[in-house]
Amino acid sequence: MITAIVMVQAEVSRIPEVAQAIADLDGVSEVYSVTGGVDLVAMVRVREHEQLHEVIADRLNKVEGVVGTTTHISFRAYSQHDLEAAFSLGFE
């Protein structure tokens, strides 16, 4: 699984609608409304590298109200949540 973190700048008056439209796209697992230099953070998860272009460039960037994006592709995931789930298997 390939994960991309997409920082989204949106038209301020349309942030909730933009967030929902992005969340409805195939390949987008979550969208967060955040503070700071961007308005939204979208998590894109795809099986193949080539799919990133389809999801981000062809669809997400074309959502009405998206002003700009910056994409970060992850190399490795570190998660306490995932570790806790793995170590708790069979101990219910």
PDB file of N, CA and C in Angstrom:
ATOM      1  N   MET A   1       0.851  -1.181   0.000  1.00  0.00           N
ATOM      2  CA  MET A   1       0.000   0.000   0.000  1.00  0.00           C
ATOM      3  C   MET A   1       0.892   1.237   0.000  1.00  0.00           C
ATOM      4  N   ILE A   2       0.590   2.163  -0.867  1.00  0.00           N
ATOM      5  CA  ILE A   2       1.315   3.431  -0.956  1.00  0.00           C
ATOM      6  C   ILE A   2       0.435   4.507  -0.334  1.00  0.00           C
ATOM      7  N   THR A   3       1.016   5.287   0.570  1.00  0.00           N
ATOM      8  CA  THR A   3       0.277   6.349   1.244  1.00  0.00           C
ATOM      9  C   THR A   3       0.856   7.695   0.852  1.00  0.00           C
ATOM     10  N   ALA A   4      -0.022   8.604   0.480  1.00  0.00           N
ATOM     11  CA  ALA A   4       0.377   9.988   0.204  1.00  0.00           C
ATOM     12  C   ALA A   4      -0.419  10.891   1.128  1.00  0.00           C
ATOM     13  N   ILE A   5       0.273  11.887   1.659  1.00  0.00           N
ATOM     14  CA  ILE A   5      -0.354  12.887   2.505  1.00  0.00           C
ATOM     15  C   ILE A   5      -0.454  14.147   1.659  1.00  0.00           C
ATOM     16  N   VAL A   6      -1.676  14.606   1.411  1.00  0.00           N
ATOM     17  CA  VAL A   6      -1.887  15.747   0.522  1.00  0.00           C
ATOM     18  C   VAL A   6      -2.361  16.938   1.343  1.00  0.00           C
ATOM     19  N   MET A   7      -1.563  17.992   1.341  1.00  0.00           N
ATOM     20  CA  MET A   7      -1.917  19.238   2.000  1.00  0.00           C
ATOM     21  C   MET A   7      -2.724  20.064   1.005  1.00  0.00           C
ATOM     22  N   VAL A   8      -3.920  20.467   1.412  1.00  0.00           N
ATOM     23  CA  VAL A   8      -4.849  21.120   0.488  1.00  0.00           C
ATOM     24  C   VAL A   8      -5.165  22.534   0.957  1.00  0.00           C
ATOM     25  N   GLN A   9      -4.988  23.492   0.052  1.00  0.00           N
ATOM     26  CA  GLN A   9      -5.469  24.853   0.290  1.00  0.00           C
ATOM     27  C   GLN A   9      -6.788  24.969  -0.445  1.00  0.00           C
ATOM     28  N   ALA A  10      -7.808  25.453   0.263  1.00  0.00           N
ATOM     29  CA  ALA A  10      -9.146  25.539  -0.311  1.00  0.00           C
ATOM     30  C   ALA A  10      -9.691  26.945  -0.172  1.00  0.00           C
ATOM     31  N   GLU A  11     -10.712  27.241  -0.985  1.00  0.00           N
ATOM     32  CA  GLU A  11     -11.425  28.493  -0.815  1.00  0.00           C
ATOM     33  C   GLU A  11     -12.053  28.462   0.581  1.00  0.00           C
ATOM     34  N   VAL A  12     -11.776  29.455   1.384  1.00  0.00           N
ATOM     35  CA  VAL A  12     -12.194  29.466   2.783  1.00  0.00           C
ATOM     36  C   VAL A  12     -13.699  29.254   2.942  1.00  0.00           C
ATOM     37  N   SER A  13     -14.478  29.843   2.099  1.00  0.00           N
ATOM     38  CA  SER A  13     -15.940  29.736   2.233  1.00  0.00           C
ATOM     39  C   SER A  13     -16.474  28.362   1.845  1.00  0.00           C
ATOM     40  N   ARG A  14     -15.604  27.521   1.266  1.00  0.00           N
ATOM     41  CA  ARG A  14     -16.048  26.209   0.782  1.00  0.00           C
ATOM     42  C   ARG A  14     -15.342  25.036   1.463  1.00  0.00           C
ATOM     43  N   ILE A  15     -14.634  25.271   2.542  1.00  0.00           N
ATOM     44  CA  ILE A  15     -13.843  24.206   3.158  1.00  0.00           C
ATOM     45  C   ILE A  15     -14.666  22.951   3.471  1.00  0.00           C
ATOM     46  N   PRO A  16     -15.824  23.046   4.117  1.00  0.00           N
ATOM     47  CA  PRO A  16     -16.576  21.807   4.405  1.00  0.00           C
ATOM     48  C   PRO A  16     -16.993  21.045   3.146  1.00  0.00           C
ATOM     49  N   GLU A  17     -17.428  21.773   2.108  1.00  0.00           N
ATOM     50  CA  GLU A  17     -17.840  21.121   0.863  1.00  0.00           C
ATOM     51  C   GLU A  17     -16.652  20.494   0.136  1.00  0.00           C
ATOM     52  N   VAL A  18     -15.526  21.189   0.138  1.00  0.00           N
ATOM     53  CA  VAL A  18     -14.314  20.662  -0.493  1.00  0.00           C
ATOM     54  C   VAL A  18     -13.860  19.404   0.248  1.00  0.00           C
ATOM     55  N   ALA A  19     -13.871  19.458   1.573  1.00  0.00           N
ATOM     56  CA  ALA A  19     -13.457  18.300   2.373  1.00  0.00           C
ATOM     57  C   ALA A  19     -14.331  17.092   2.065  1.00  0.00           C
ATOM     58  N   GLN A  20     -15.637  17.279   1.995  1.00  0.00           N
ATOM     59  CA  GLN A  20     -16.538  16.161   1.725  1.00  0.00           C
ATOM     60  C   GLN A  20     -16.339  15.616   0.315  1.00  0.00           C
ATOM     61  N   ALA A  21     -16.167  16.504  -0.665  1.00  0.00           N
ATOM     62  CA  ALA A  21     -15.945  16.066  -2.046  1.00  0.00           C
ATOM     63  C   ALA A  21     -14.663  15.255  -2.164  1.00  0.00           C
ATOM     64  N   ILE A  22     -13.611  15.679  -1.464  1.00  0.00           N
ATOM     65  CA  ILE A  22     -12.348  14.932  -1.483  1.00  0.00           C
ATOM     66  C   ILE A  22     -12.521  13.600  -0.770  1.00  0.00           C
ATOM     67  N   ALA A  23     -13.196  13.592   0.363  1.00  0.00           N
ATOM     68  CA  ALA A  23     -13.407  12.352   1.123  1.00  0.00           C
ATOM     69  C   ALA A  23     -14.192  11.330   0.309  1.00  0.00           C
ATOM     70  N   ASP A  24     -15.032  11.777  -0.605  1.00  0.00           N
ATOM     71  CA  ASP A  24     -15.842  10.878  -1.432  1.00  0.00           C
ATOM     72  C   ASP A  24     -15.069  10.254  -2.587  1.00  0.00           C
ATOM     73  N   LEU A  25     -13.845  10.702  -2.841  1.00  0.00           N
ATOM     74  CA  LEU A  25     -13.052  10.159  -3.943  1.00  0.00           C
ATOM     75  C   LEU A  25     -12.510   8.776  -3.601  1.00  0.00           C
ATOM     76  N   ASP A  26     -12.557   7.860  -4.570  1.00  0.00           N
ATOM     77  CA  ASP A  26     -11.915   6.564  -4.396  1.00  0.00           C
ATOM     78  C   ASP A  26     -10.427   6.779  -4.208  1.00  0.00           C
ATOM     79  N   GLY A  27      -9.849   6.103  -3.238  1.00  0.00           N
ATOM     80  CA  GLY A  27      -8.425   6.232  -2.942  1.00  0.00           C
ATOM     81  C   GLY A  27      -8.134   7.170  -1.794  1.00  0.00           C
ATOM     82  N   VAL A  28      -9.107   7.966  -1.393  1.00  0.00           N
ATOM     83  CA  VAL A  28      -8.936   8.868  -0.255  1.00  0.00           C
ATOM     84  C   VAL A  28      -9.542   8.191   0.968  1.00  0.00           C
ATOM     85  N   SER A  29      -8.707   7.961   1.992  1.00  0.00           N
ATOM     86  CA  SER A  29      -9.197   7.255   3.180  1.00  0.00           C
ATOM     87  C   SER A  29      -9.710   8.199   4.257  1.00  0.00           C
ATOM     88  N   GLU A  30      -9.100   9.381   4.389  1.00  0.00           N
ATOM     89  CA  GLU A  30      -9.520  10.355   5.390  1.00  0.00           C
ATOM     90  C   GLU A  30      -9.206  11.756   4.900  1.00  0.00           C
ATOM     91  N   VAL A  31      -9.966  12.705   5.421  1.00  0.00           N
ATOM     92  CA  VAL A  31      -9.676  14.124   5.195  1.00  0.00           C
ATOM     93  C   VAL A  31      -9.823  14.815   6.542  1.00  0.00           C
ATOM     94  N   TYR A  32      -8.820  15.612   6.896  1.00  0.00           N
ATOM     95  CA  TYR A  32      -8.827  16.326   8.167  1.00  0.00           C
ATOM     96  C   TYR A  32      -8.854  17.820   7.911  1.00  0.00           C
ATOM     97  N   SER A  33      -9.693  18.533   8.637  1.00  0.00           N
ATOM     98  CA  SER A  33      -9.658  19.986   8.667  1.00  0.00           C
ATOM     99  C   SER A  33      -8.622  20.357   9.720  1.00  0.00           C
ATOM    100  N   VAL A  34      -7.657  21.199   9.360  1.00  0.00           N
ATOM    101  CA  VAL A  34      -6.531  21.479  10.258  1.00  0.00           C
ATOM    102  C   VAL A  34      -6.262  22.973  10.360  1.00  0.00           C
ATOM    103  N   THR A  35      -5.463  23.329  11.360  1.00  0.00           N
ATOM    104  CA  THR A  35      -4.982  24.702  11.488  1.00  0.00           C
ATOM    105  C   THR A  35      -3.587  24.780  10.895  1.00  0.00           C
ATOM    106  N   GLY A  36      -3.117  25.984  10.654  1.00  0.00           N
ATOM    107  CA  GLY A  36      -1.769  26.156  10.133  1.00  0.00           C
ATOM    108  C   GLY A  36      -1.779  26.673   8.711  1.00  0.00           C
ATOM    109  N   GLY A  37      -0.789  26.281   7.962  1.00  0.00           N
ATOM    110  CA  GLY A  37      -0.586  26.814   6.616  1.00  0.00           C
ATOM    111  C   GLY A  37      -1.477  26.227   5.547  1.00  0.00           C
ATOM    112  N   VAL A  38      -2.206  25.167   5.859  1.00  0.00           N
ATOM    113  CA  VAL A  38      -3.139  24.572   4.898  1.00  0.00           C
ATOM    114  C   VAL A  38      -4.502  24.425   5.560  1.00  0.00           C
ATOM    115  N   ASP A  39      -5.502  24.164   4.760  1.00  0.00           N
ATOM    116  CA  ASP A  39      -6.869  24.044   5.279  1.00  0.00           C
ATOM    117  C   ASP A  39      -7.266  22.598   5.563  1.00  0.00           C
ATOM    118  N   LEU A  40      -6.802  21.680   4.706  1.00  0.00           N
ATOM    119  CA  LEU A  40      -7.177  20.274   4.804  1.00  0.00           C
ATOM    120  C   LEU A  40      -5.966  19.387   4.594  1.00  0.00           C
ATOM    121  N   VAL A  41      -6.003  18.221   5.205  1.00  0.00           N
ATOM    122  CA  VAL A  41      -4.997  17.187   4.953  1.00  0.00           C
ATOM    123  C   VAL A  41      -5.759  15.946   4.525  1.00  0.00           C
ATOM    124  N   ALA A  42      -5.429  15.432   3.341  1.00  0.00           N
ATOM    125  CA  ALA A  42      -6.083  14.237   2.815  1.00  0.00           C
ATOM    126  C   ALA A  42      -5.088  13.076   2.796  1.00  0.00           C
ATOM    127  N   MET A  43      -5.545  11.929   3.262  1.00  0.00           N
ATOM    128  CA  MET A  43      -4.734  10.716   3.224  1.00  0.00           C
ATOM    129  C   MET A  43      -5.177   9.905   2.012  1.00  0.00           C
ATOM    130  N   VAL A  44      -4.240   9.676   1.110  1.00  0.00           N
ATOM    131  CA  VAL A  44      -4.531   8.902  -0.102  1.00  0.00           C
ATOM    132  C   VAL A  44      -3.793   7.587   0.012  1.00  0.00           C
ATOM    133  N   ARG A  45      -4.529   6.486  -0.165  1.00  0.00           N
ATOM    134  CA  ARG A  45      -3.930   5.156  -0.086  1.00  0.00           C
ATOM    135  C   ARG A  45      -4.292   4.383  -1.346  1.00  0.00           C
ATOM    136  N   VAL A  46      -3.251   3.970  -2.077  1.00  0.00           N
ATOM    137  CA  VAL A  46      -3.440   3.238  -3.333  1.00  0.00           C
ATOM    138  C   VAL A  46      -2.485   2.045  -3.375  1.00  0.00           C
ATOM    139  N   ARG A  47      -2.760   1.124  -4.243  1.00  0.00           N
ATOM    140  CA  ARG A  47      -1.921  -0.074  -4.355  1.00  0.00           C
ATOM    141  C   ARG A  47      -0.701   0.131  -5.253  1.00  0.00           C
ATOM    142  N   GLU A  48      -0.837   0.978  -6.261  1.00  0.00           N
ATOM    143  CA  GLU A  48       0.244   1.161  -7.227  1.00  0.00           C
ATOM    144  C   GLU A  48       0.597   2.640  -7.349  1.00  0.00           C
ATOM    145  N   HIS A  49       1.877   2.892  -7.539  1.00  0.00           N
ATOM    146  CA  HIS A  49       2.381   4.260  -7.634  1.00  0.00           C
ATOM    147  C   HIS A  49       1.657   5.065  -8.710  1.00  0.00           C
ATOM    148  N   GLU A  50       1.375   4.444  -9.843  1.00  0.00           N
ATOM    149  CA  GLU A  50       0.723   5.140 -10.947  1.00  0.00           C
ATOM    150  C   GLU A  50      -0.667   5.655 -10.569  1.00  0.00           C
ATOM    151  N   GLN A  51      -1.304   5.020  -9.601  1.00  0.00           N
ATOM    152  CA  GLN A  51      -2.642   5.442  -9.178  1.00  0.00           C
ATOM    153  C   GLN A  51      -2.625   6.792  -8.461  1.00  0.00           C
ATOM    154  N   LEU A  52      -1.478   7.188  -7.924  1.00  0.00           N
ATOM    155  CA  LEU A  52      -1.387   8.484  -7.254  1.00  0.00           C
ATOM    156  C   LEU A  52      -1.758   9.614  -8.208  1.00  0.00           C
ATOM    157  N   HIS A  53      -1.271   9.536  -9.435  1.00  0.00           N
ATOM    158  CA  HIS A  53      -1.580  10.573 -10.424  1.00  0.00           C
ATOM    159  C   HIS A  53      -3.075  10.623 -10.688  1.00  0.00           C
ATOM    160  N   GLU A  54      -3.686   9.450 -10.835  1.00  0.00           N
ATOM    161  CA  GLU A  54      -5.126   9.389 -11.108  1.00  0.00           C
ATOM    162  C   GLU A  54      -5.939  10.021  -9.974  1.00  0.00           C
ATOM    163  N   VAL A  55      -5.604   9.665  -8.737  1.00  0.00           N
ATOM    164  CA  VAL A  55      -6.375  10.169  -7.599  1.00  0.00           C
ATOM    165  C   VAL A  55      -6.087  11.640  -7.336  1.00  0.00           C
ATOM    166  N   ILE A  56      -4.808  12.006  -7.292  1.00  0.00           N
ATOM    167  CA  ILE A  56      -4.442  13.366  -6.874  1.00  0.00           C
ATOM    168  C   ILE A  56      -4.535  14.362  -8.026  1.00  0.00           C
ATOM    169  N   ALA A  57      -3.808  14.114  -9.094  1.00  0.00           N
ATOM    170  CA  ALA A  57      -3.767  15.092 -10.197  1.00  0.00           C
ATOM    171  C   ALA A  57      -5.056  15.115 -11.012  1.00  0.00           C
ATOM    172  N   ASP A  58      -5.607  13.939 -11.277  1.00  0.00           N
ATOM    173  CA  ASP A  58      -6.787  13.888 -12.150  1.00  0.00           C
ATOM    174  C   ASP A  58      -8.101  14.179 -11.434  1.00  0.00           C
ATOM    175  N   ARG A  59      -8.184  13.901 -10.123  1.00  0.00           N
ATOM    176  CA  ARG A  59      -9.465  14.085  -9.442  1.00  0.00           C
ATOM    177  C   ARG A  59      -9.396  15.081  -8.285  1.00  0.00           C
ATOM    178  N   LEU A  60      -8.529  14.856  -7.314  1.00  0.00           N
ATOM    179  CA  LEU A  60      -8.489  15.718  -6.131  1.00  0.00           C
ATOM    180  C   LEU A  60      -8.193  17.168  -6.500  1.00  0.00           C
ATOM    181  N   ASN A  61      -7.198  17.384  -7.323  1.00  0.00           N
ATOM    182  CA  ASN A  61      -6.836  18.757  -7.712  1.00  0.00           C
ATOM    183  C   ASN A  61      -7.930  19.459  -8.501  1.00  0.00           C
ATOM    184  N   LYS A  62      -8.864  18.704  -9.049  1.00  0.00           N
ATOM    185  CA  LYS A  62      -9.930  19.287  -9.866  1.00  0.00           C
ATOM    186  C   LYS A  62     -11.235  19.481  -9.102  1.00  0.00           C
ATOM    187  N   VAL A  63     -11.231  19.167  -7.806  1.00  0.00           N
ATOM    188  CA  VAL A  63     -12.420  19.416  -6.990  1.00  0.00           C
ATOM    189  C   VAL A  63     -12.640  20.918  -6.931  1.00  0.00           C
ATOM    190  N   GLU A  64     -13.874  21.343  -7.179  1.00  0.00           N
ATOM    191  CA  GLU A  64     -14.191  22.775  -7.139  1.00  0.00           C
ATOM    192  C   GLU A  64     -13.909  23.330  -5.746  1.00  0.00           C
ATOM    193  N   GLY A  65     -13.125  24.397  -5.691  1.00  0.00           N
ATOM    194  CA  GLY A  65     -12.768  25.012  -4.421  1.00  0.00           C
ATOM    195  C   GLY A  65     -11.349  24.694  -3.969  1.00  0.00           C
ATOM    196  N   VAL A  66     -10.683  23.736  -4.614  1.00  0.00           N
ATOM    197  CA  VAL A  66      -9.274  23.454  -4.301  1.00  0.00           C
ATOM    198  C   VAL A  66      -8.432  24.520  -4.981  1.00  0.00           C
ATOM    199  N   VAL A  67      -7.629  25.213  -4.187  1.00  0.00           N
ATOM    200  CA  VAL A  67      -6.785  26.292  -4.693  1.00  0.00           C
ATOM    201  C   VAL A  67      -5.381  25.784  -5.011  1.00  0.00           C
ATOM    202  N   GLY A  68      -4.882  24.852  -4.192  1.00  0.00           N
ATOM    203  CA  GLY A  68      -3.548  24.310  -4.405  1.00  0.00           C
ATOM    204  C   GLY A  68      -3.311  23.110  -3.512  1.00  0.00           C
ATOM    205  N   THR A  69      -2.320  22.304  -3.875  1.00  0.00           N
ATOM    206  CA  THR A  69      -1.969  21.128  -3.075  1.00  0.00           C
ATOM    207  C   THR A  69      -0.457  20.951  -3.026  1.00  0.00           C
ATOM    208  N   THR A  70      -0.026  20.279  -1.989  1.00  0.00           N
ATOM    209  CA  THR A  70       1.346  19.804  -1.868  1.00  0.00           C
ATOM    210  C   THR A  70       1.252  18.358  -1.408  1.00  0.00           C
ATOM    211  N   THR A  71       1.970  17.471  -2.084  1.00  0.00           N
ATOM    212  CA  THR A  71       1.866  16.044  -1.788  1.00  0.00           C
ATOM    213  C   THR A  71       3.165  15.506  -1.207  1.00  0.00           C
ATOM    214  N   HIS A  72       3.029  14.724  -0.151  1.00  0.00           N
ATOM    215  CA  HIS A  72       4.150  14.031   0.488  1.00  0.00           C
ATOM    216  C   HIS A  72       3.872  12.539   0.392  1.00  0.00           C
ATOM    217  N   ILE A  73       4.812  11.780  -0.160  1.00  0.00           N
ATOM    218  CA  ILE A  73       4.648  10.330  -0.270  1.00  0.00           C
ATOM    219  C   ILE A  73       5.422   9.683   0.866  1.00  0.00           C
ATOM    220  N   SER A  74       4.763   8.785   1.584  1.00  0.00           N
ATOM    221  CA  SER A  74       5.404   8.163   2.746  1.00  0.00           C
ATOM    222  C   SER A  74       6.325   7.027   2.323  1.00  0.00           C
ATOM    223  N   PHE A  75       7.391   6.849   3.090  1.00  0.00           N
ATOM    224  CA  PHE A  75       8.310   5.730   2.902  1.00  0.00           C
ATOM    225  C   PHE A  75       7.952   4.569   3.818  1.00  0.00           C
ATOM    226  N   ARG A  76       7.618   4.897   5.056  1.00  0.00           N
ATOM    227  CA  ARG A  76       7.370   3.883   6.079  1.00  0.00           C
ATOM    228  C   ARG A  76       6.406   4.457   7.090  1.00  0.00           C
ATOM    229  N   ALA A  77       5.573   3.582   7.658  1.00  0.00           N
ATOM    230  CA  ALA A  77       4.609   4.018   8.669  1.00  0.00           C
ATOM    231  C   ALA A  77       5.042   3.529  10.041  1.00  0.00           C
ATOM    232  N   TYR A  78       4.952   4.410  11.013  1.00  0.00           N
ATOM    233  CA  TYR A  78       5.206   4.075  12.412  1.00  0.00           C
ATOM    234  C   TYR A  78       3.948   4.441  13.177  1.00  0.00           C
ATOM    235  N   SER A  79       3.377   3.477  13.879  1.00  0.00           N
ATOM    236  CA  SER A  79       2.120   3.766  14.559  1.00  0.00           C
ATOM    237  C   SER A  79       2.006   2.956  15.832  1.00  0.00           C
ATOM    238  N   GLN A  80       1.856   3.625  16.945  1.00  0.00           N
ATOM    239  CA  GLN A  80       1.631   2.947  18.214  1.00  0.00           C
ATOM    240  C   GLN A  80       0.332   2.156  18.154  1.00  0.00           C
ATOM    241  N   HIS A  81      -0.668   2.707  17.481  1.00  0.00           N
ATOM    242  CA  HIS A  81      -1.956   2.033  17.343  1.00  0.00           C
ATOM    243  C   HIS A  81      -1.779   0.675  16.675  1.00  0.00           C
ATOM    244  N   ASP A  82      -1.014   0.618  15.576  1.00  0.00           N
ATOM    245  CA  ASP A  82      -0.792  -0.641  14.867  1.00  0.00           C
ATOM    246  C   ASP A  82      -0.020  -1.629  15.735  1.00  0.00           C
ATOM    247  N   LEU A  83       0.959  -1.141  16.495  1.00  0.00           N
ATOM    248  CA  LEU A  83       1.740  -2.016  17.362  1.00  0.00           C
ATOM    249  C   LEU A  83       0.868  -2.611  18.458  1.00  0.00           C
ATOM    250  N   GLU A  84       0.010  -1.798  19.042  1.00  0.00           N
ATOM    251  CA  GLU A  84      -0.880  -2.300  20.089  1.00  0.00           C
ATOM    252  C   GLU A  84      -1.818  -3.366  19.541  1.00  0.00           C
ATOM    253  N   ALA A  85      -2.322  -3.172  18.329  1.00  0.00           N
ATOM    254  CA  ALA A  85      -3.221  -4.152  17.725  1.00  0.00           C
ATOM    255  C   ALA A  85      -2.489  -5.470  17.471  1.00  0.00           C
ATOM    256  N   ALA A  86      -1.256  -5.400  17.006  1.00  0.00           N
ATOM    257  CA  ALA A  86      -0.497  -6.617  16.708  1.00  0.00           C
ATOM    258  C   ALA A  86      -0.170  -7.393  17.983  1.00  0.00           C
ATOM    259  N   PHE A  87       0.213  -6.699  19.052  1.00  0.00           N
ATOM    260  CA  PHE A  87       0.601  -7.370  20.286  1.00  0.00           C
ATOM    261  C   PHE A  87      -0.594  -7.864  21.085  1.00  0.00           C
ATOM    262  N   SER A  88      -1.778  -7.385  20.780  1.00  0.00           N
ATOM    263  CA  SER A  88      -2.956  -7.807  21.547  1.00  0.00           C
ATOM    264  C   SER A  88      -3.700  -8.955  20.885  1.00  0.00           C
ATOM    265  N   LEU A  89      -3.202  -9.460  19.778  1.00  0.00           N
ATOM    266  CA  LEU A  89      -3.875 -10.572  19.095  1.00  0.00           C
ATOM    267  C   LEU A  89      -3.955 -11.791  20.015  1.00  0.00           C
ATOM    268  N   GLY A  90      -5.135 -12.331  20.137  1.00  0.00           N
ATOM    269  CA  GLY A  90      -5.324 -13.528  20.938  1.00  0.00           C
ATOM    270  C   GLY A  90      -5.456 -13.289  22.432  1.00  0.00           C
ATOM    271  N   PHE A  91      -5.441 -12.041  22.883  1.00  0.00           N
ATOM    272  CA  PHE A  91      -5.518 -11.736  24.304  1.00  0.00           C
ATOM    273  C   PHE A  91      -6.829 -11.057  24.665  1.00  0.00           C
ATOM    274  N   GLU A  92      -7.902 -11.425  23.984  1.00  0.00           N
ATOM    275  CA  GLU A  92      -9.186 -10.796  24.262  1.00  0.00           C
ATOM    276  C   GLU A  92      -9.962 -11.561  25.297  1.00  0.00           C
TER     277      GLU A  92
END
